[in-house]
N, C-alpha and C. Protein backbone atom coordinates (compact mmCIF):
# COMPACT_ATOMS: atom_id res chain seq x y z
N UNK A 1 -3.80 11.50 4.29
CA UNK A 1 -5.22 10.60 3.26
C UNK A 1 -5.93 10.70 4.28
N UNK A 2 -7.20 10.58 3.81
CA UNK A 2 -8.33 10.78 4.47
C UNK A 2 -8.99 9.29 4.45
N UNK A 3 -8.43 8.29 3.69
CA UNK A 3 -8.75 6.69 3.71
C UNK A 3 -9.77 6.50 2.81
N UNK A 4 -10.17 7.61 1.89
CA UNK A 4 -10.91 7.67 0.50
C UNK A 4 -9.75 6.70 -0.45
N UNK A 5 -8.84 7.00 -0.70
CA UNK A 5 -7.77 6.13 -1.59
C UNK A 5 -8.30 4.61 -1.95
N UNK A 6 -8.94 3.79 -1.36
CA UNK A 6 -9.27 2.42 -1.06
C UNK A 6 -10.22 2.33 -1.93
N UNK A 7 -11.37 3.22 -2.33
CA UNK A 7 -12.88 2.69 -2.85
C UNK A 7 -12.37 2.31 -4.22
N UNK A 8 -13.50 1.11 -3.92
CA UNK A 8 -13.25 0.60 -5.48
C UNK A 8 -13.49 1.43 -6.89
N UNK A 9 -12.64 1.46 -7.83
CA UNK A 9 -12.84 1.94 -9.22
C UNK A 9 -12.87 3.59 -8.84
N UNK A 10 -12.28 3.90 -7.86
CA UNK A 10 -12.14 5.58 -7.50
C UNK A 10 -11.00 6.21 -8.54
N UNK A 11 -11.54 7.44 -9.41
CA UNK A 11 -10.35 7.96 -9.91
C UNK A 11 -10.33 9.07 -9.48
N UNK A 12 -10.95 9.69 -8.43
CA UNK A 12 -10.71 11.07 -7.96
C UNK A 12 -11.50 11.05 -6.77
N UNK A 13 -11.00 12.22 -5.59
CA UNK A 13 -11.78 12.59 -4.37
C UNK A 13 -11.62 13.68 -3.96
N UNK A 14 -12.28 14.27 -3.45
CA UNK A 14 -12.34 15.48 -2.80
C UNK A 14 -13.24 15.81 -1.68
N UNK A 15 -12.24 16.40 -0.65
CA UNK A 15 -13.21 16.53 1.04
C UNK A 15 -12.97 17.93 0.95
N UNK A 16 -14.66 18.32 1.22
CA UNK A 16 -14.49 19.82 1.48
C UNK A 16 -15.24 20.02 3.43
N UNK A 17 -14.48 21.18 3.72
CA UNK A 17 -15.68 22.02 4.88
C UNK A 17 -16.82 21.96 4.50
N UNK A 18 -17.65 22.54 5.71
CA UNK A 18 -18.99 22.57 5.35
C UNK A 18 -19.08 23.91 5.19
N UNK A 19 -17.79 24.92 5.26
CA UNK A 19 -18.02 26.24 4.03
C UNK A 19 -17.58 26.25 2.70
N UNK A 20 -17.19 25.07 2.12
CA UNK A 20 -17.01 24.44 0.85
C UNK A 20 -15.44 24.67 0.86
N UNK A 21 -14.61 24.97 1.55
CA UNK A 21 -12.95 25.14 1.40
C UNK A 21 -12.54 23.36 1.19
N UNK A 22 -11.63 23.69 0.09
CA UNK A 22 -11.03 22.14 -0.11
C UNK A 22 -10.03 21.97 0.82
N UNK A 23 -10.10 20.64 1.38
CA UNK A 23 -9.40 20.01 2.60
C UNK A 23 -8.20 18.89 1.76
N UNK A 24 -9.03 18.22 1.11
CA UNK A 24 -7.93 17.52 0.79
C UNK A 24 -8.74 17.00 -0.78
N UNK A 25 -7.78 16.68 -1.86
CA UNK A 25 -8.11 16.04 -3.00
C UNK A 25 -7.05 15.12 -3.81
N UNK A 26 -7.35 14.64 -4.74
CA UNK A 26 -6.70 13.72 -5.59
C UNK A 26 -6.93 13.30 -6.95
N UNK A 27 -6.17 12.30 -7.22
CA UNK A 27 -6.68 12.03 -8.72
C UNK A 27 -7.24 12.62 -9.98
N UNK A 28 -8.23 13.01 -10.47
CA UNK A 28 -9.06 13.56 -11.15
C UNK A 28 -9.50 14.55 -10.49
N UNK A 29 -9.68 14.65 -9.31
CA UNK A 29 -10.43 15.57 -8.74
C UNK A 29 -9.18 16.71 -8.07
N UNK A 30 -8.21 16.58 -8.40
CA UNK A 30 -6.65 17.22 -7.19
C UNK A 30 -6.89 18.72 -7.66
N UNK A 31 -6.94 19.51 -6.74
CA UNK A 31 -7.32 21.01 -6.98
C UNK A 31 -8.31 21.25 -7.60
N UNK A 32 -9.59 20.85 -7.36
CA UNK A 32 -10.66 21.25 -8.27
C UNK A 32 -11.42 21.64 -7.63
N UNK A 33 -11.31 22.83 -7.49
CA UNK A 33 -11.83 24.14 -6.48
C UNK A 33 -13.10 24.50 -7.21
N UNK A 34 -13.07 24.91 -8.19
CA UNK A 34 -14.58 25.01 -9.33
C UNK A 34 -15.27 23.67 -8.87
N UNK A 35 -15.09 22.74 -9.04
CA UNK A 35 -16.04 21.66 -8.86
C UNK A 35 -16.56 21.56 -7.46
N UNK A 36 -15.91 21.80 -6.40
CA UNK A 36 -15.88 22.33 -4.93
C UNK A 36 -17.33 23.10 -5.06
N UNK A 37 -17.03 24.15 -5.53
CA UNK A 37 -18.40 25.28 -5.59
C UNK A 37 -19.00 24.81 -6.22
N UNK A 38 -19.50 23.88 -7.21
CA UNK A 38 -20.48 23.63 -8.13
C UNK A 38 -21.25 22.32 -7.02
N UNK A 39 -20.53 21.31 -6.16
CA UNK A 39 -21.32 20.70 -5.24
C UNK A 39 -22.03 21.01 -4.35
N UNK A 40 -21.18 22.76 -3.41
CA UNK A 40 -21.62 23.10 -2.76
C UNK A 40 -23.03 23.75 -3.06
N UNK A 41 -23.19 24.23 -4.03
CA UNK A 41 -24.53 24.94 -5.06
C UNK A 41 -25.67 23.64 -4.92
N UNK A 42 -24.66 22.16 -5.24
CA UNK A 42 -26.10 21.49 -5.39
C UNK A 42 -26.31 20.97 -4.20
N UNK A 43 -25.52 21.02 -3.10
CA UNK A 43 -26.08 20.93 -1.89
C UNK A 43 -26.89 21.80 -0.93
N UNK A 44 -26.68 23.16 -1.71
CA UNK A 44 -27.70 24.48 -1.03
C UNK A 44 -28.96 23.90 -1.33
N UNK A 45 -29.31 23.32 -2.25
CA UNK A 45 -30.85 22.88 -2.59
C UNK A 45 -31.26 21.83 -1.25
N UNK A 46 -30.76 21.55 -0.69
CA UNK A 46 -31.21 20.75 0.70
C UNK A 46 -31.37 21.84 1.98
N UNK A 47 -32.12 21.49 2.50
CA UNK A 47 -32.52 22.70 3.52
C UNK A 47 -31.24 22.14 4.85
N UNK A 48 -30.70 22.88 5.64
CA UNK A 48 -30.12 23.03 6.56
C UNK A 48 -30.02 21.71 7.57
N UNK A 49 -31.29 20.99 7.88
CA UNK A 49 -31.38 20.17 8.92
C UNK A 49 -31.19 19.06 7.81
N UNK A 50 -31.38 18.73 6.75
CA UNK A 50 -30.89 17.80 5.76
C UNK A 50 -29.59 17.72 5.46
N UNK A 51 -28.84 18.89 5.69
CA UNK A 51 -27.45 18.71 5.66
C UNK A 51 -26.87 18.28 6.83
N UNK A 52 -27.01 19.15 7.70
CA UNK A 52 -26.70 18.61 8.85
C UNK A 52 -27.23 18.41 9.89
N UNK A 53 -27.85 17.50 10.19
CA UNK A 53 -28.83 16.98 11.16
C UNK A 53 -28.56 17.09 12.50
N UNK A 54 -27.65 17.07 13.34
CA UNK A 54 -27.47 16.93 14.57
C UNK A 54 -27.67 15.44 14.88
N UNK A 55 -28.56 15.26 15.99
CA UNK A 55 -28.81 14.31 16.52
C UNK A 55 -29.99 13.31 16.14
N UNK A 56 -30.33 14.17 15.13
CA UNK A 56 -31.90 13.84 14.87
C UNK A 56 -32.04 12.65 13.78
N UNK A 57 -30.63 12.45 12.66
CA UNK A 57 -30.45 11.88 11.91
C UNK A 57 -31.41 11.39 10.68
N UNK A 58 -32.36 12.93 10.30
CA UNK A 58 -33.09 12.76 9.51
C UNK A 58 -32.36 13.03 8.14
N UNK A 59 -30.98 13.61 8.23
CA UNK A 59 -30.10 14.10 6.96
C UNK A 59 -30.04 12.87 6.05
N UNK A 60 -29.37 13.53 4.58
CA UNK A 60 -29.51 12.42 3.88
C UNK A 60 -27.93 11.66 4.04
N UNK A 61 -28.19 10.25 3.56
CA UNK A 61 -26.89 9.29 3.91
C UNK A 61 -25.86 9.60 2.30
N UNK A 62 -26.48 9.67 1.60
CA UNK A 62 -25.18 9.68 0.20
C UNK A 62 -26.19 10.55 -0.79
N UNK A 63 -25.43 11.09 -1.75
CA UNK A 63 -26.16 11.83 -3.23
C UNK A 63 -25.20 11.10 -3.87
N UNK A 64 -25.80 10.33 -4.93
CA UNK A 64 -25.11 9.67 -6.19
C UNK A 64 -25.57 10.40 -7.55
N UNK A 65 -24.93 11.17 -8.50
CA UNK A 65 -25.08 11.42 -9.47
C UNK A 65 -24.23 10.72 -10.76
N UNK A 66 -25.21 10.34 -11.40
CA UNK A 66 -24.67 8.94 -12.28
C UNK A 66 -24.73 9.28 -13.76
N UNK A 67 -23.69 9.27 -14.29
CA UNK A 67 -23.33 9.51 -15.80
C UNK A 67 -23.27 8.36 -16.53
N UNK A 68 -23.04 8.01 -17.90
CA UNK A 68 -22.94 7.03 -18.73
C UNK A 68 -21.16 6.32 -18.25
N UNK A 69 -20.81 7.02 -18.15
CA UNK A 69 -19.19 6.42 -17.62
C UNK A 69 -18.70 6.69 -16.07
N UNK A 70 -19.27 7.41 -15.53
CA UNK A 70 -18.94 7.54 -14.18
C UNK A 70 -20.02 8.21 -13.35
N UNK A 71 -19.46 8.14 -12.01
CA UNK A 71 -20.26 8.62 -11.27
C UNK A 71 -19.75 9.62 -10.13
N UNK A 72 -20.63 10.27 -9.40
CA UNK A 72 -19.84 10.95 -8.11
C UNK A 72 -20.81 10.73 -7.12
N UNK A 73 -20.11 10.53 -5.94
CA UNK A 73 -21.33 9.80 -4.68
C UNK A 73 -20.06 10.96 -3.59
N UNK A 74 -21.19 11.66 -3.17
CA UNK A 74 -21.43 12.83 -2.29
C UNK A 74 -21.76 12.39 -0.78
N UNK A 75 -21.09 12.12 0.30
CA UNK A 75 -21.78 12.00 1.89
C UNK A 75 -20.87 13.01 2.61
N UNK A 76 -21.88 13.01 3.82
CA UNK A 76 -21.14 13.79 4.80
C UNK A 76 -20.78 13.16 6.23
N UNK A 77 -19.48 13.51 6.84
CA UNK A 77 -18.83 12.85 8.09
C UNK A 77 -18.16 13.74 8.79
N UNK A 78 -18.15 13.82 10.07
CA UNK A 78 -17.67 14.80 10.85
C UNK A 78 -17.52 16.28 10.41
N UNK A 79 -18.69 16.73 9.81
CA UNK A 79 -18.72 18.02 9.29
C UNK A 79 -17.91 18.42 8.26
N UNK A 80 -17.49 17.07 7.19
CA UNK A 80 -17.05 17.60 6.14
C UNK A 80 -17.66 16.78 4.89
N UNK A 81 -17.43 17.19 3.88
CA UNK A 81 -18.26 16.92 2.52
C UNK A 81 -17.08 16.12 1.83
N UNK A 82 -17.59 14.63 1.64
CA UNK A 82 -16.59 13.96 1.09
C UNK A 82 -17.20 13.39 -0.47
N UNK A 83 -16.46 13.67 -1.33
CA UNK A 83 -16.99 13.61 -2.41
C UNK A 83 -15.99 12.29 -3.32
N UNK A 84 -16.42 11.29 -4.14
CA UNK A 84 -15.63 10.54 -4.71
C UNK A 84 -16.18 10.27 -6.13
N UNK A 85 -15.06 10.34 -7.07
CA UNK A 85 -15.50 9.98 -8.45
C UNK A 85 -15.41 8.80 -8.66
N UNK A 86 -15.97 7.89 -9.45
CA UNK A 86 -15.84 6.44 -10.03
C UNK A 86 -15.82 6.29 -11.09
N UNK A 87 -15.05 5.20 -11.90
CA UNK A 87 -15.37 4.88 -12.87
C UNK A 87 -16.96 3.90 -12.83
N UNK A 88 -18.23 4.24 -13.85
CA UNK A 88 -19.05 3.53 -13.72
C UNK A 88 -19.30 2.55 -15.24
N UNK A 89 -19.18 1.37 -14.27
CA UNK A 89 -19.15 0.18 -15.22
C UNK A 89 -20.34 -0.67 -15.06
N UNK A 90 -21.13 -0.63 -15.94
CA UNK A 90 -22.74 -1.15 -15.97
C UNK A 90 -22.41 -2.69 -16.01
N UNK A 91 -23.63 -3.55 -15.28
CA UNK A 91 -23.42 -4.80 -15.28
C UNK A 91 -24.06 -5.39 -16.31
N UNK A 92 -23.96 -6.34 -16.76
CA UNK A 92 -24.41 -6.99 -17.61
C UNK A 92 -25.72 -7.21 -17.61
N UNK A 93 -26.74 -7.05 -18.64
CA UNK A 93 -27.97 -7.67 -18.05
C UNK A 93 -28.68 -8.71 -17.88
N UNK A 94 -29.45 -8.75 -17.09
CA UNK A 94 -29.59 -10.35 -16.81
C UNK A 94 -30.44 -10.93 -17.87
N UNK A 95 -30.13 -12.07 -18.84
CA UNK A 95 -30.86 -12.92 -19.49
C UNK A 95 -31.92 -13.86 -18.77
N UNK A 96 -33.23 -13.71 -19.03
CA UNK A 96 -33.95 -14.63 -18.57
C UNK A 96 -34.35 -15.53 -19.36
């Protein structure tokens, strides 16, 4: 386990190598190779220095894709791409 299983409201996770190969997966994203290819297509929209910035630190921190009932959070760490699917529970609106 890559320590991903402790994220609150997680329903699935996927760890990809920098070339898109599935390293680890679990939950609703277990063996989701096609979904991994979709994530790689999404990340191909960024330029290489944003994706793997090296020492400059100018790359993105995370990408969130939010639907009405769930969200995907994508972040990079140690040349791996980590994707977590979380239940999306909107907070009650603030009443003034």
